[in-house]
Amino acid sequence: RMQEGELERRNTRDALVSIAMAHANDEQLRVEALRLLFSDEDPSADEA
């Protein structure tokens, strides 16, 4: 939905970063959050 413009990019990324960084979350859940973040093709995403 973020890629389709329905959700704001910054808020979506921030939510995924929070999931990835929370050690209490399931490991595979955290890895998948990172996969999604790292698939971001926005020019500014690589530095973030």
ModelCIF file with pLDDT and N, C-alpha, C, O atoms, coordinates in Angstrom:
data_MODEL
#
_entry.id   MODEL 
#
_entity.id                         1 
_entity.type                       polymer 
_entity.pdbx_number_of_molecules   1 
#
_entity_poly.entity_id                      1 
_entity_poly.type                           'polypeptide(L)' 
_entity_poly.nstd_linkage                   no 
_entity_poly.nstd_monomer                   no 
_entity_poly.pdbx_seq_one_letter_code       RMQEGELERRNTRDALVSIAMAHANDEQLRVEALRLLFSDEDPSADEA 
_entity_poly.pdbx_seq_one_letter_code_can   RMQEGELERRNTRDALVSIAMAHANDEQLRVEALRLLFSDEDPSADEA 
_entity_poly.pdbx_strand_id                 A 
#
loop_
_entity_poly_seq.entity_id 
_entity_poly_seq.num 
_entity_poly_seq.mon_id 
_entity_poly_seq.hetero 
1 1  ARG n 
1 2  MET n 
1 3  GLN n 
1 4  GLU n 
1 5  GLY n 
1 6  GLU n 
1 7  LEU n 
1 8  GLU n 
1 9  ARG n 
1 10 ARG n 
1 11 ASN n 
1 12 THR n 
1 13 ARG n 
1 14 ASP n 
1 15 ALA n 
1 16 LEU n 
1 17 VAL n 
1 18 SER n 
1 19 ILE n 
1 20 ALA n 
1 21 MET n 
1 22 ALA n 
1 23 HIS n 
1 24 ALA n 
1 25 ASN n 
1 26 ASP n 
1 27 GLU n 
1 28 GLN n 
1 29 LEU n 
1 30 ARG n 
1 31 VAL n 
1 32 GLU n 
1 33 ALA n 
1 34 LEU n 
1 35 ARG n 
1 36 LEU n 
1 37 LEU n 
1 38 PHE n 
1 39 SER n 
1 40 ASP n 
1 41 GLU n 
1 42 ASP n 
1 43 PRO n 
1 44 SER n 
1 45 ALA n 
1 46 ASP n 
1 47 GLU n 
1 48 ALA n 
#
_struct_asym.id          A 
_struct_asym.entity_id   1 
#
loop_
_ma_qa_metric.id 
_ma_qa_metric.mode 
_ma_qa_metric.name 
_ma_qa_metric.software_group_id 
_ma_qa_metric.type 
1 global pLDDT . pLDDT 
2 local  pLDDT . pLDDT 
#
_ma_qa_metric_global.metric_id      1 
_ma_qa_metric_global.metric_value   95.04 
_ma_qa_metric_global.model_id       1 
_ma_qa_metric_global.ordinal_id     1 
#
loop_
_ma_qa_metric_local.label_asym_id 
_ma_qa_metric_local.label_comp_id 
_ma_qa_metric_local.label_seq_id 
_ma_qa_metric_local.metric_id 
_ma_qa_metric_local.metric_value 
_ma_qa_metric_local.model_id 
_ma_qa_metric_local.ordinal_id 
A ARG 1  2 96.00 1 1  
A MET 2  2 95.00 1 2  
A GLN 3  2 93.00 1 3  
A GLU 4  2 93.00 1 4  
A GLY 5  2 93.00 1 5  
A GLU 6  2 95.00 1 6  
A LEU 7  2 95.00 1 7  
A GLU 8  2 95.00 1 8  
A ARG 9  2 93.00 1 9  
A ARG 10 2 93.00 1 10 
A ASN 11 2 96.00 1 11 
A THR 12 2 96.00 1 12 
A ARG 13 2 96.00 1 13 
A ASP 14 2 96.00 1 14 
A ALA 15 2 97.00 1 15 
A LEU 16 2 97.00 1 16 
A VAL 17 2 97.00 1 17 
A SER 18 2 97.00 1 18 
A ILE 19 2 97.00 1 19 
A ALA 20 2 97.00 1 20 
A MET 21 2 96.00 1 21 
A ALA 22 2 96.00 1 22 
A HIS 23 2 95.00 1 23 
A ALA 24 2 95.00 1 24 
A ASN 25 2 96.00 1 25 
A ASP 26 2 96.00 1 26 
A GLU 27 2 96.00 1 27 
A GLN 28 2 96.00 1 28 
A LEU 29 2 97.00 1 29 
A ARG 30 2 97.00 1 30 
A VAL 31 2 97.00 1 31 
A GLU 32 2 97.00 1 32 
A ALA 33 2 97.00 1 33 
A LEU 34 2 97.00 1 34 
A ARG 35 2 97.00 1 35 
A LEU 36 2 97.00 1 36 
A LEU 37 2 97.00 1 37 
A PHE 38 2 96.00 1 38 
A SER 39 2 96.00 1 39 
A ASP 40 2 94.00 1 40 
A GLU 41 2 90.00 1 41 
A ASP 42 2 88.00 1 42 
A PRO 43 2 85.00 1 43 
A SER 44 2 88.00 1 44 
A ALA 45 2 94.00 1 45 
A ASP 46 2 94.00 1 46 
A GLU 47 2 95.00 1 47 
A ALA 48 2 96.00 1 48 
#
loop_
_atom_site.group_PDB 
_atom_site.id 
_atom_site.type_symbol 
_atom_site.label_atom_id 
_atom_site.label_alt_id 
_atom_site.label_comp_id 
_atom_site.label_asym_id 
_atom_site.label_entity_id 
_atom_site.label_seq_id 
_atom_site.pdbx_PDB_ins_code 
_atom_site.Cartn_x 
_atom_site.Cartn_y 
_atom_site.Cartn_z 
_atom_site.occupancy 
_atom_site.B_iso_or_equiv 
_atom_site.pdbx_formal_charge 
_atom_site.auth_seq_id 
_atom_site.auth_comp_id 
_atom_site.auth_asym_id 
_atom_site.auth_atom_id 
_atom_site.pdbx_PDB_model_num 
ATOM 1   N N  . ARG A 1 1  ? 0.833  -1.207  0.000  1.00 96.00 ? 1  ARG A N  1 
ATOM 2   C CA . ARG A 1 1  ? 0.000  0.000   0.000  1.00 96.00 ? 1  ARG A CA 1 
ATOM 3   C C  . ARG A 1 1  ? 0.871  1.261   0.000  1.00 96.00 ? 1  ARG A C  1 
ATOM 4   O O  . ARG A 1 1  ? 0.495  2.276   -0.587 1.00 96.00 ? 1  ARG A O  1 
ATOM 5   N N  . MET A 1 2  ? 2.030  1.196   0.657  1.00 95.00 ? 2  MET A N  1 
ATOM 6   C CA . MET A 1 2  ? 2.953  2.337   0.622  1.00 95.00 ? 2  MET A CA 1 
ATOM 7   C C  . MET A 1 2  ? 3.451  2.574   -0.797 1.00 95.00 ? 2  MET A C  1 
ATOM 8   O O  . MET A 1 2  ? 3.524  3.714   -1.256 1.00 95.00 ? 2  MET A O  1 
ATOM 9   N N  . GLN A 1 3  ? 3.799  1.472   -1.498 1.00 93.00 ? 3  GLN A N  1 
ATOM 10  C CA . GLN A 1 3  ? 4.294  1.602   -2.873 1.00 93.00 ? 3  GLN A CA 1 
ATOM 11  C C  . GLN A 1 3  ? 3.223  2.143   -3.804 1.00 93.00 ? 3  GLN A C  1 
ATOM 12  O O  . GLN A 1 3  ? 3.524  2.796   -4.803 1.00 93.00 ? 3  GLN A O  1 
ATOM 13  N N  . GLU A 1 4  ? 1.972  1.866   -3.465 1.00 93.00 ? 4  GLU A N  1 
ATOM 14  C CA . GLU A 1 4  ? 0.858  2.350   -4.294 1.00 93.00 ? 4  GLU A CA 1 
ATOM 15  C C  . GLU A 1 4  ? 0.412  3.753   -3.893 1.00 93.00 ? 4  GLU A C  1 
ATOM 16  O O  . GLU A 1 4  ? -0.507 4.316   -4.487 1.00 93.00 ? 4  GLU A O  1 
ATOM 17  N N  . GLY A 1 5  ? 1.075  4.311   -2.875 1.00 93.00 ? 5  GLY A N  1 
ATOM 18  C CA . GLY A 1 5  ? 0.780  5.673   -2.469 1.00 93.00 ? 5  GLY A CA 1 
ATOM 19  C C  . GLY A 1 5  ? -0.332 5.808   -1.464 1.00 93.00 ? 5  GLY A C  1 
ATOM 20  O O  . GLY A 1 5  ? -0.741 6.927   -1.155 1.00 93.00 ? 5  GLY A O  1 
ATOM 21  N N  . GLU A 1 6  ? -0.841 4.696   -0.935 1.00 95.00 ? 6  GLU A N  1 
ATOM 22  C CA . GLU A 1 6  ? -1.941 4.765   0.018  1.00 95.00 ? 6  GLU A CA 1 
ATOM 23  C C  . GLU A 1 6  ? -1.452 5.065   1.440  1.00 95.00 ? 6  GLU A C  1 
ATOM 24  O O  . GLU A 1 6  ? -2.178 5.659   2.237  1.00 95.00 ? 6  GLU A O  1 
ATOM 25  N N  . LEU A 1 7  ? -0.231 4.656   1.749  1.00 95.00 ? 7  LEU A N  1 
ATOM 26  C CA . LEU A 1 7  ? 0.335  4.915   3.072  1.00 95.00 ? 7  LEU A CA 1 
ATOM 27  C C  . LEU A 1 7  ? 1.587  5.779   2.924  1.00 95.00 ? 7  LEU A C  1 
ATOM 28  O O  . LEU A 1 7  ? 2.303  5.689   1.927  1.00 95.00 ? 7  LEU A O  1 
ATOM 29  N N  . GLU A 1 8  ? 1.834  6.599   3.909  1.00 95.00 ? 8  GLU A N  1 
ATOM 30  C CA . GLU A 1 8  ? 2.996  7.489   3.861  1.00 95.00 ? 8  GLU A CA 1 
ATOM 31  C C  . GLU A 1 8  ? 4.280  6.676   4.033  1.00 95.00 ? 8  GLU A C  1 
ATOM 32  O O  . GLU A 1 8  ? 4.365  5.822   4.916  1.00 95.00 ? 8  GLU A O  1 
ATOM 33  N N  . ARG A 1 9  ? 5.263  6.941   3.198  1.00 93.00 ? 9  ARG A N  1 
ATOM 34  C CA . ARG A 1 9  ? 6.520  6.191   3.192  1.00 93.00 ? 9  ARG A CA 1 
ATOM 35  C C  . ARG A 1 9  ? 7.213  6.260   4.559  1.00 93.00 ? 9  ARG A C  1 
ATOM 36  O O  . ARG A 1 9  ? 7.609  5.231   5.106  1.00 93.00 ? 9  ARG A O  1 
ATOM 37  N N  . ARG A 1 10 ? 7.360  7.472   5.111  1.00 93.00 ? 10 ARG A N  1 
ATOM 38  C CA . ARG A 1 10 ? 8.121  7.622   6.359  1.00 93.00 ? 10 ARG A CA 1 
ATOM 39  C C  . ARG A 1 10 ? 7.471  6.836   7.497  1.00 93.00 ? 10 ARG A C  1 
ATOM 40  O O  . ARG A 1 10 ? 8.164  6.143   8.241  1.00 93.00 ? 10 ARG A O  1 
ATOM 41  N N  . ASN A 1 11 ? 6.161  6.937   7.638  1.00 96.00 ? 11 ASN A N  1 
ATOM 42  C CA . ASN A 1 11 ? 5.480  6.227   8.723  1.00 96.00 ? 11 ASN A CA 1 
ATOM 43  C C  . ASN A 1 11 ? 5.597  4.718   8.575  1.00 96.00 ? 11 ASN A C  1 
ATOM 44  O O  . ASN A 1 11 ? 5.775  4.001   9.560  1.00 96.00 ? 11 ASN A O  1 
ATOM 45  N N  . THR A 1 12 ? 5.496  4.243   7.339  1.00 96.00 ? 12 THR A N  1 
ATOM 46  C CA . THR A 1 12 ? 5.600  2.799   7.104  1.00 96.00 ? 12 THR A CA 1 
ATOM 47  C C  . THR A 1 12 ? 7.001  2.303   7.409  1.00 96.00 ? 12 THR A C  1 
ATOM 48  O O  . THR A 1 12 ? 7.174  1.269   8.054  1.00 96.00 ? 12 THR A O  1 
ATOM 49  N N  . ARG A 1 13 ? 7.987  3.031   6.951  1.00 96.00 ? 13 ARG A N  1 
ATOM 50  C CA . ARG A 1 13 ? 9.378  2.639   7.230  1.00 96.00 ? 13 ARG A CA 1 
ATOM 51  C C  . ARG A 1 13 ? 9.646  2.665   8.734  1.00 96.00 ? 13 ARG A C  1 
ATOM 52  O O  . ARG A 1 13 ? 10.263 1.745   9.271  1.00 96.00 ? 13 ARG A O  1 
ATOM 53  N N  . ASP A 1 14 ? 9.188  3.711   9.410  1.00 96.00 ? 14 ASP A N  1 
ATOM 54  C CA . ASP A 1 14 ? 9.424  3.808   10.857 1.00 96.00 ? 14 ASP A CA 1 
ATOM 55  C C  . ASP A 1 14 ? 8.804  2.630   11.598 1.00 96.00 ? 14 ASP A C  1 
ATOM 56  O O  . ASP A 1 14 ? 9.391  2.109   12.547 1.00 96.00 ? 14 ASP A O  1 
ATOM 57  N N  . ALA A 1 15 ? 7.619  2.213   11.167 1.00 97.00 ? 15 ALA A N  1 
ATOM 58  C CA . ALA A 1 15 ? 6.968  1.066   11.811 1.00 97.00 ? 15 ALA A CA 1 
ATOM 59  C C  . ALA A 1 15 ? 7.775  -0.214  11.606 1.00 97.00 ? 15 ALA A C  1 
ATOM 60  O O  . ALA A 1 15 ? 7.919  -1.014  12.531 1.00 97.00 ? 15 ALA A O  1 
ATOM 61  N N  . LEU A 1 16 ? 8.300  -0.409  10.398 1.00 97.00 ? 16 LEU A N  1 
ATOM 62  C CA . LEU A 1 16 ? 9.097  -1.606  10.115 1.00 97.00 ? 16 LEU A CA 1 
ATOM 63  C C  . LEU A 1 16 ? 10.431 -1.581  10.864 1.00 97.00 ? 16 LEU A C  1 
ATOM 64  O O  . LEU A 1 16 ? 10.899 -2.615  11.340 1.00 97.00 ? 16 LEU A O  1 
ATOM 65  N N  . VAL A 1 17 ? 11.039 -0.398  10.966 1.00 97.00 ? 17 VAL A N  1 
ATOM 66  C CA . VAL A 1 17 ? 12.282 -0.282  11.724 1.00 97.00 ? 17 VAL A CA 1 
ATOM 67  C C  . VAL A 1 17 ? 12.040 -0.658  13.187 1.00 97.00 ? 17 VAL A C  1 
ATOM 68  O O  . VAL A 1 17 ? 12.857 -1.354  13.790 1.00 97.00 ? 17 VAL A O  1 
ATOM 69  N N  . SER A 1 18 ? 10.934 -0.208  13.752 1.00 97.00 ? 18 SER A N  1 
ATOM 70  C CA . SER A 1 18 ? 10.609 -0.542  15.139 1.00 97.00 ? 18 SER A CA 1 
ATOM 71  C C  . SER A 1 18 ? 10.437 -2.043  15.325 1.00 97.00 ? 18 SER A C  1 
ATOM 72  O O  . SER A 1 18 ? 10.887 -2.607  16.323 1.00 97.00 ? 18 SER A O  1 
ATOM 73  N N  . ILE A 1 19 ? 9.786  -2.690  14.362 1.00 97.00 ? 19 ILE A N  1 
ATOM 74  C CA . ILE A 1 19 ? 9.604  -4.148  14.429 1.00 97.00 ? 19 ILE A CA 1 
ATOM 75  C C  . ILE A 1 19 ? 10.953 -4.856  14.326 1.00 97.00 ? 19 ILE A C  1 
ATOM 76  O O  . ILE A 1 19 ? 11.223 -5.794  15.076 1.00 97.00 ? 19 ILE A O  1 
ATOM 77  N N  . ALA A 1 20 ? 11.783 -4.414  13.415 1.00 97.00 ? 20 ALA A N  1 
ATOM 78  C CA . ALA A 1 20 ? 13.092 -5.054  13.206 1.00 97.00 ? 20 ALA A CA 1 
ATOM 79  C C  . ALA A 1 20 ? 13.997 -4.903  14.414 1.00 97.00 ? 20 ALA A C  1 
ATOM 80  O O  . ALA A 1 20 ? 14.777 -5.805  14.720 1.00 97.00 ? 20 ALA A O  1 
ATOM 81  N N  . MET A 1 21 ? 13.905 -3.781  15.102 1.00 96.00 ? 21 MET A N  1 
ATOM 82  C CA . MET A 1 21 ? 14.825 -3.513  16.208 1.00 96.00 ? 21 MET A CA 1 
ATOM 83  C C  . MET A 1 21 ? 14.375 -4.119  17.531 1.00 96.00 ? 21 MET A C  1 
ATOM 84  O O  . MET A 1 21 ? 15.173 -4.205  18.464 1.00 96.00 ? 21 MET A O  1 
ATOM 85  N N  . ALA A 1 22 ? 13.141 -4.532  17.633 1.00 96.00 ? 22 ALA A N  1 
ATOM 86  C CA . ALA A 1 22 ? 12.624 -5.065  18.902 1.00 96.00 ? 22 ALA A CA 1 
ATOM 87  C C  . ALA A 1 22 ? 13.099 -6.500  19.105 1.00 96.00 ? 22 ALA A C  1 
ATOM 88  O O  . ALA A 1 22 ? 12.624 -7.406  18.420 1.00 96.00 ? 22 ALA A O  1 
ATOM 89  N N  . HIS A 1 23 ? 14.022 -6.722  20.026 1.00 95.00 ? 23 HIS A N  1 
ATOM 90  C CA . HIS A 1 23 ? 14.599 -8.047  20.247 1.00 95.00 ? 23 HIS A CA 1 
ATOM 91  C C  . HIS A 1 23 ? 13.560 -9.063  20.693 1.00 95.00 ? 23 HIS A C  1 
ATOM 92  O O  . HIS A 1 23 ? 13.745 -10.264 20.498 1.00 95.00 ? 23 HIS A O  1 
ATOM 93  N N  . ALA A 1 24 ? 12.464 -8.592  21.292 1.00 95.00 ? 24 ALA A N  1 
ATOM 94  C CA . ALA A 1 24 ? 11.440 -9.520  21.781 1.00 95.00 ? 24 ALA A CA 1 
ATOM 95  C C  . ALA A 1 24 ? 10.606 -10.116 20.654 1.00 95.00 ? 24 ALA A C  1 
ATOM 96  O O  . ALA A 1 24 ? 9.924  -11.120 20.858 1.00 95.00 ? 24 ALA A O  1 
ATOM 97  N N  . ASN A 1 25 ? 10.649 -9.519  19.479 1.00 96.00 ? 25 ASN A N  1 
ATOM 98  C CA . ASN A 1 25 ? 9.868  -10.035 18.355 1.00 96.00 ? 25 ASN A CA 1 
ATOM 99  C C  . ASN A 1 25 ? 10.479 -11.313 17.795 1.00 96.00 ? 25 ASN A C  1 
ATOM 100 O O  . ASN A 1 25 ? 11.668 -11.577 17.972 1.00 96.00 ? 25 ASN A O  1 
ATOM 101 N N  . ASP A 1 26 ? 9.656  -12.095 17.121 1.00 96.00 ? 26 ASP A N  1 
ATOM 102 C CA . ASP A 1 26 ? 10.123 -13.319 16.466 1.00 96.00 ? 26 ASP A CA 1 
ATOM 103 C C  . ASP A 1 26 ? 11.239 -12.988 15.466 1.00 96.00 ? 26 ASP A C  1 
ATOM 104 O O  . ASP A 1 26 ? 11.161 -12.010 14.724 1.00 96.00 ? 26 ASP A O  1 
ATOM 105 N N  . GLU A 1 27 ? 12.268 -13.822 15.469 1.00 96.00 ? 27 GLU A N  1 
ATOM 106 C CA . GLU A 1 27 ? 13.442 -13.563 14.627 1.00 96.00 ? 27 GLU A CA 1 
ATOM 107 C C  . GLU A 1 27 ? 13.086 -13.472 13.151 1.00 96.00 ? 27 GLU A C  1 
ATOM 108 O O  . GLU A 1 27 ? 13.559 -12.573 12.456 1.00 96.00 ? 27 GLU A O  1 
ATOM 109 N N  . GLN A 1 28 ? 12.251 -14.399 12.660 1.00 96.00 ? 28 GLN A N  1 
ATOM 110 C CA . GLN A 1 28 ? 11.887 -14.386 11.243 1.00 96.00 ? 28 GLN A CA 1 
ATOM 111 C C  . GLN A 1 28 ? 11.036 -13.163 10.887 1.00 96.00 ? 28 GLN A C  1 
ATOM 112 O O  . GLN A 1 28 ? 11.118 -12.638 9.776  1.00 96.00 ? 28 GLN A O  1 
ATOM 113 N N  . LEU A 1 29 ? 10.224 -12.722 11.841 1.00 97.00 ? 29 LEU A N  1 
ATOM 114 C CA . LEU A 1 29 ? 9.451  -11.501 11.634 1.00 97.00 ? 29 LEU A CA 1 
ATOM 115 C C  . LEU A 1 29 ? 10.396 -10.309 11.457 1.00 97.00 ? 29 LEU A C  1 
ATOM 116 O O  . LEU A 1 29 ? 10.186 -9.463  10.587 1.00 97.00 ? 29 LEU A O  1 
ATOM 117 N N  . ARG A 1 30 ? 11.419 -10.254 12.277 1.00 97.00 ? 30 ARG A N  1 
ATOM 118 C CA . ARG A 1 30 ? 12.379 -9.147  12.220 1.00 97.00 ? 30 ARG A CA 1 
ATOM 119 C C  . ARG A 1 30 ? 13.165 -9.186  10.907 1.00 97.00 ? 30 ARG A C  1 
ATOM 120 O O  . ARG A 1 30 ? 13.400 -8.148  10.289 1.00 97.00 ? 30 ARG A O  1 
ATOM 121 N N  . VAL A 1 31 ? 13.568 -10.385 10.486 1.00 97.00 ? 31 VAL A N  1 
ATOM 122 C CA . VAL A 1 31 ? 14.294 -10.510 9.217  1.00 97.00 ? 31 VAL A CA 1 
ATOM 123 C C  . VAL A 1 31 ? 13.422 -10.046 8.059  1.00 97.00 ? 31 VAL A C  1 
ATOM 124 O O  . VAL A 1 31 ? 13.901 -9.353  7.161  1.00 97.00 ? 31 VAL A O  1 
ATOM 125 N N  . GLU A 1 32 ? 12.127 -10.428 8.073  1.00 97.00 ? 32 GLU A N  1 
ATOM 126 C CA . GLU A 1 32 ? 11.239 -10.032 6.981  1.00 97.00 ? 32 GLU A CA 1 
ATOM 127 C C  . GLU A 1 32 ? 11.038 -8.521  6.959  1.00 97.00 ? 32 GLU A C  1 
ATOM 128 O O  . GLU A 1 32 ? 10.941 -7.924  5.886  1.00 97.00 ? 32 GLU A O  1 
ATOM 129 N N  . ALA A 1 33 ? 10.975 -7.894  8.142  1.00 97.00 ? 33 ALA A N  1 
ATOM 130 C CA . ALA A 1 33 ? 10.872 -6.433  8.191  1.00 97.00 ? 33 ALA A CA 1 
ATOM 131 C C  . ALA A 1 33 ? 12.097 -5.795  7.537  1.00 97.00 ? 33 ALA A C  1 
ATOM 132 O O  . ALA A 1 33 ? 11.980 -4.801  6.820  1.00 97.00 ? 33 ALA A O  1 
ATOM 133 N N  . LEU A 1 34 ? 13.273 -6.375  7.789  1.00 97.00 ? 34 LEU A N  1 
ATOM 134 C CA . LEU A 1 34 ? 14.500 -5.849  7.178  1.00 97.00 ? 34 LEU A CA 1 
ATOM 135 C C  . LEU A 1 34 ? 14.497 -6.069  5.662  1.00 97.00 ? 34 LEU A C  1 
ATOM 136 O O  . LEU A 1 34 ? 14.931 -5.200  4.906  1.00 97.00 ? 34 LEU A O  1 
ATOM 137 N N  . ARG A 1 35 ? 14.008 -7.231  5.222  1.00 97.00 ? 35 ARG A N  1 
ATOM 138 C CA . ARG A 1 35 ? 13.953 -7.499  3.777  1.00 97.00 ? 35 ARG A CA 1 
ATOM 139 C C  . ARG A 1 35 ? 13.116 -6.444  3.063  1.00 97.00 ? 35 ARG A C  1 
ATOM 140 O O  . ARG A 1 35 ? 13.503 -5.931  2.014  1.00 97.00 ? 35 ARG A O  1 
ATOM 141 N N  . LEU A 1 36 ? 11.971 -6.132  3.645  1.00 97.00 ? 36 LEU A N  1 
ATOM 142 C CA . LEU A 1 36 ? 11.101 -5.125  3.044  1.00 97.00 ? 36 LEU A CA 1 
ATOM 143 C C  . LEU A 1 36 ? 11.786 -3.755  3.021  1.00 97.00 ? 36 LEU A C  1 
ATOM 144 O O  . LEU A 1 36 ? 11.761 -3.063  2.003  1.00 97.00 ? 36 LEU A O  1 
ATOM 145 N N  . LEU A 1 37 ? 12.387 -3.374  4.127  1.00 97.00 ? 37 LEU A N  1 
ATOM 146 C CA . LEU A 1 37 ? 13.083 -2.097  4.181  1.00 97.00 ? 37 LEU A CA 1 
ATOM 147 C C  . LEU A 1 37 ? 14.187 -2.015  3.130  1.00 97.00 ? 37 LEU A C  1 
ATOM 148 O O  . LEU A 1 37 ? 14.337 -1.006  2.441  1.00 97.00 ? 37 LEU A O  1 
ATOM 149 N N  . PHE A 1 38 ? 14.952 -3.095  3.023  1.00 96.00 ? 38 PHE A N  1 
ATOM 150 C CA . PHE A 1 38 ? 16.107 -3.078  2.127  1.00 96.00 ? 38 PHE A CA 1 
ATOM 151 C C  . PHE A 1 38 ? 15.714 -3.237  0.660  1.00 96.00 ? 38 PHE A C  1 
ATOM 152 O O  . PHE A 1 38 ? 16.549 -3.073  -0.230 1.00 96.00 ? 38 PHE A O  1 
ATOM 153 N N  . SER A 1 39 ? 14.437 -3.557  0.407  1.00 96.00 ? 39 SER A N  1 
ATOM 154 C CA . SER A 1 39 ? 13.964 -3.636  -0.979 1.00 96.00 ? 39 SER A CA 1 
ATOM 155 C C  . SER A 1 39 ? 13.505 -2.277  -1.500 1.00 96.00 ? 39 SER A C  1 
ATOM 156 O O  . SER A 1 39 ? 13.109 -2.149  -2.659 1.00 96.00 ? 39 SER A O  1 
ATOM 157 N N  . ASP A 1 40 ? 13.560 -1.274  -0.644 1.00 94.00 ? 40 ASP A N  1 
ATOM 158 C CA . ASP A 1 40 ? 13.094 0.068   -1.008 1.00 94.00 ? 40 ASP A CA 1 
ATOM 159 C C  . ASP A 1 40 ? 13.984 0.635   -2.112 1.00 94.00 ? 40 ASP A C  1 
ATOM 160 O O  . ASP A 1 40 ? 15.199 0.745   -1.942 1.00 94.00 ? 40 ASP A O  1 
ATOM 161 N N  . GLU A 1 41 ? 13.376 0.995   -3.243 1.00 90.00 ? 41 GLU A N  1 
ATOM 162 C CA . GLU A 1 41 ? 14.134 1.510   -4.385 1.00 90.00 ? 41 GLU A CA 1 
ATOM 163 C C  . GLU A 1 41 ? 14.169 3.032   -4.435 1.00 90.00 ? 41 GLU A C  1 
ATOM 164 O O  . GLU A 1 41 ? 14.693 3.609   -5.388 1.00 90.00 ? 41 GLU A O  1 
ATOM 165 N N  . ASP A 1 42 ? 13.621 3.678   -3.428 1.00 88.00 ? 42 ASP A N  1 
ATOM 166 C CA . ASP A 1 42 ? 13.689 5.141   -3.376 1.00 88.00 ? 42 ASP A CA 1 
ATOM 167 C C  . ASP A 1 42 ? 15.161 5.566   -3.308 1.00 88.00 ? 42 ASP A C  1 
ATOM 168 O O  . ASP A 1 42 ? 15.936 4.935   -2.589 1.00 88.00 ? 42 ASP A O  1 
ATOM 169 N N  . PRO A 1 43 ? 15.567 6.611   -4.029 1.00 85.00 ? 43 PRO A N  1 
ATOM 170 C CA . PRO A 1 43 ? 16.978 7.030   -4.069 1.00 85.00 ? 43 PRO A CA 1 
ATOM 171 C C  . PRO A 1 43 ? 17.579 7.304   -2.686 1.00 85.00 ? 43 PRO A C  1 
ATOM 172 O O  . PRO A 1 43 ? 18.776 7.100   -2.485 1.00 85.00 ? 43 PRO A O  1 
ATOM 173 N N  . SER A 1 44 ? 16.775 7.758   -1.747 1.00 88.00 ? 44 SER A N  1 
ATOM 174 C CA . SER A 1 44 ? 17.309 8.080   -0.414 1.00 88.00 ? 44 SER A CA 1 
ATOM 175 C C  . SER A 1 44 ? 17.319 6.874   0.527  1.00 88.00 ? 44 SER A C  1 
ATOM 176 O O  . SER A 1 44 ? 17.812 6.972   1.651  1.00 88.00 ? 44 SER A O  1 
ATOM 177 N N  . ALA A 1 45 ? 16.785 5.754   0.084  1.00 94.00 ? 45 ALA A N  1 
ATOM 178 C CA . ALA A 1 45 ? 16.583 4.623   0.991  1.00 94.00 ? 45 ALA A CA 1 
ATOM 179 C C  . ALA A 1 45 ? 17.882 3.936   1.378  1.00 94.00 ? 45 ALA A C  1 
ATOM 180 O O  . ALA A 1 45 ? 18.013 3.461   2.506  1.00 94.00 ? 45 ALA A O  1 
ATOM 181 N N  . ASP A 1 46 ? 18.853 3.873   0.458  1.00 94.00 ? 46 ASP A N  1 
ATOM 182 C CA . ASP A 1 46 ? 20.067 3.112   0.753  1.00 94.00 ? 46 ASP A CA 1 
ATOM 183 C C  . ASP A 1 46 ? 20.807 3.689   1.956  1.00 94.00 ? 46 ASP A C  1 
ATOM 184 O O  . ASP A 1 46 ? 21.271 2.944   2.819  1.00 94.00 ? 46 ASP A O  1 
ATOM 185 N N  . GLU A 1 47 ? 20.916 5.006   2.010  1.00 95.00 ? 47 GLU A N  1 
ATOM 186 C CA . GLU A 1 47 ? 21.591 5.641   3.143  1.00 95.00 ? 47 GLU A CA 1 
ATOM 187 C C  . GLU A 1 47 ? 20.811 5.397   4.434  1.00 95.00 ? 47 GLU A C  1 
ATOM 188 O O  . GLU A 1 47 ? 21.408 5.129   5.477  1.00 95.00 ? 47 GLU A O  1 
ATOM 189 N N  . ALA A 1 48 ? 19.491 5.487   4.370  1.00 96.00 ? 48 ALA A N  1 
ATOM 190 C CA . ALA A 1 48 ? 18.661 5.247   5.553  1.00 96.00 ? 48 ALA A CA 1 
ATOM 191 C C  . ALA A 1 48 ? 18.776 3.800   6.023  1.00 96.00 ? 48 ALA A C  1 
ATOM 192 O O  . ALA A 1 48 ? 18.145 3.419   7.008  1.00 96.00 ? 48 ALA A O  1 
#
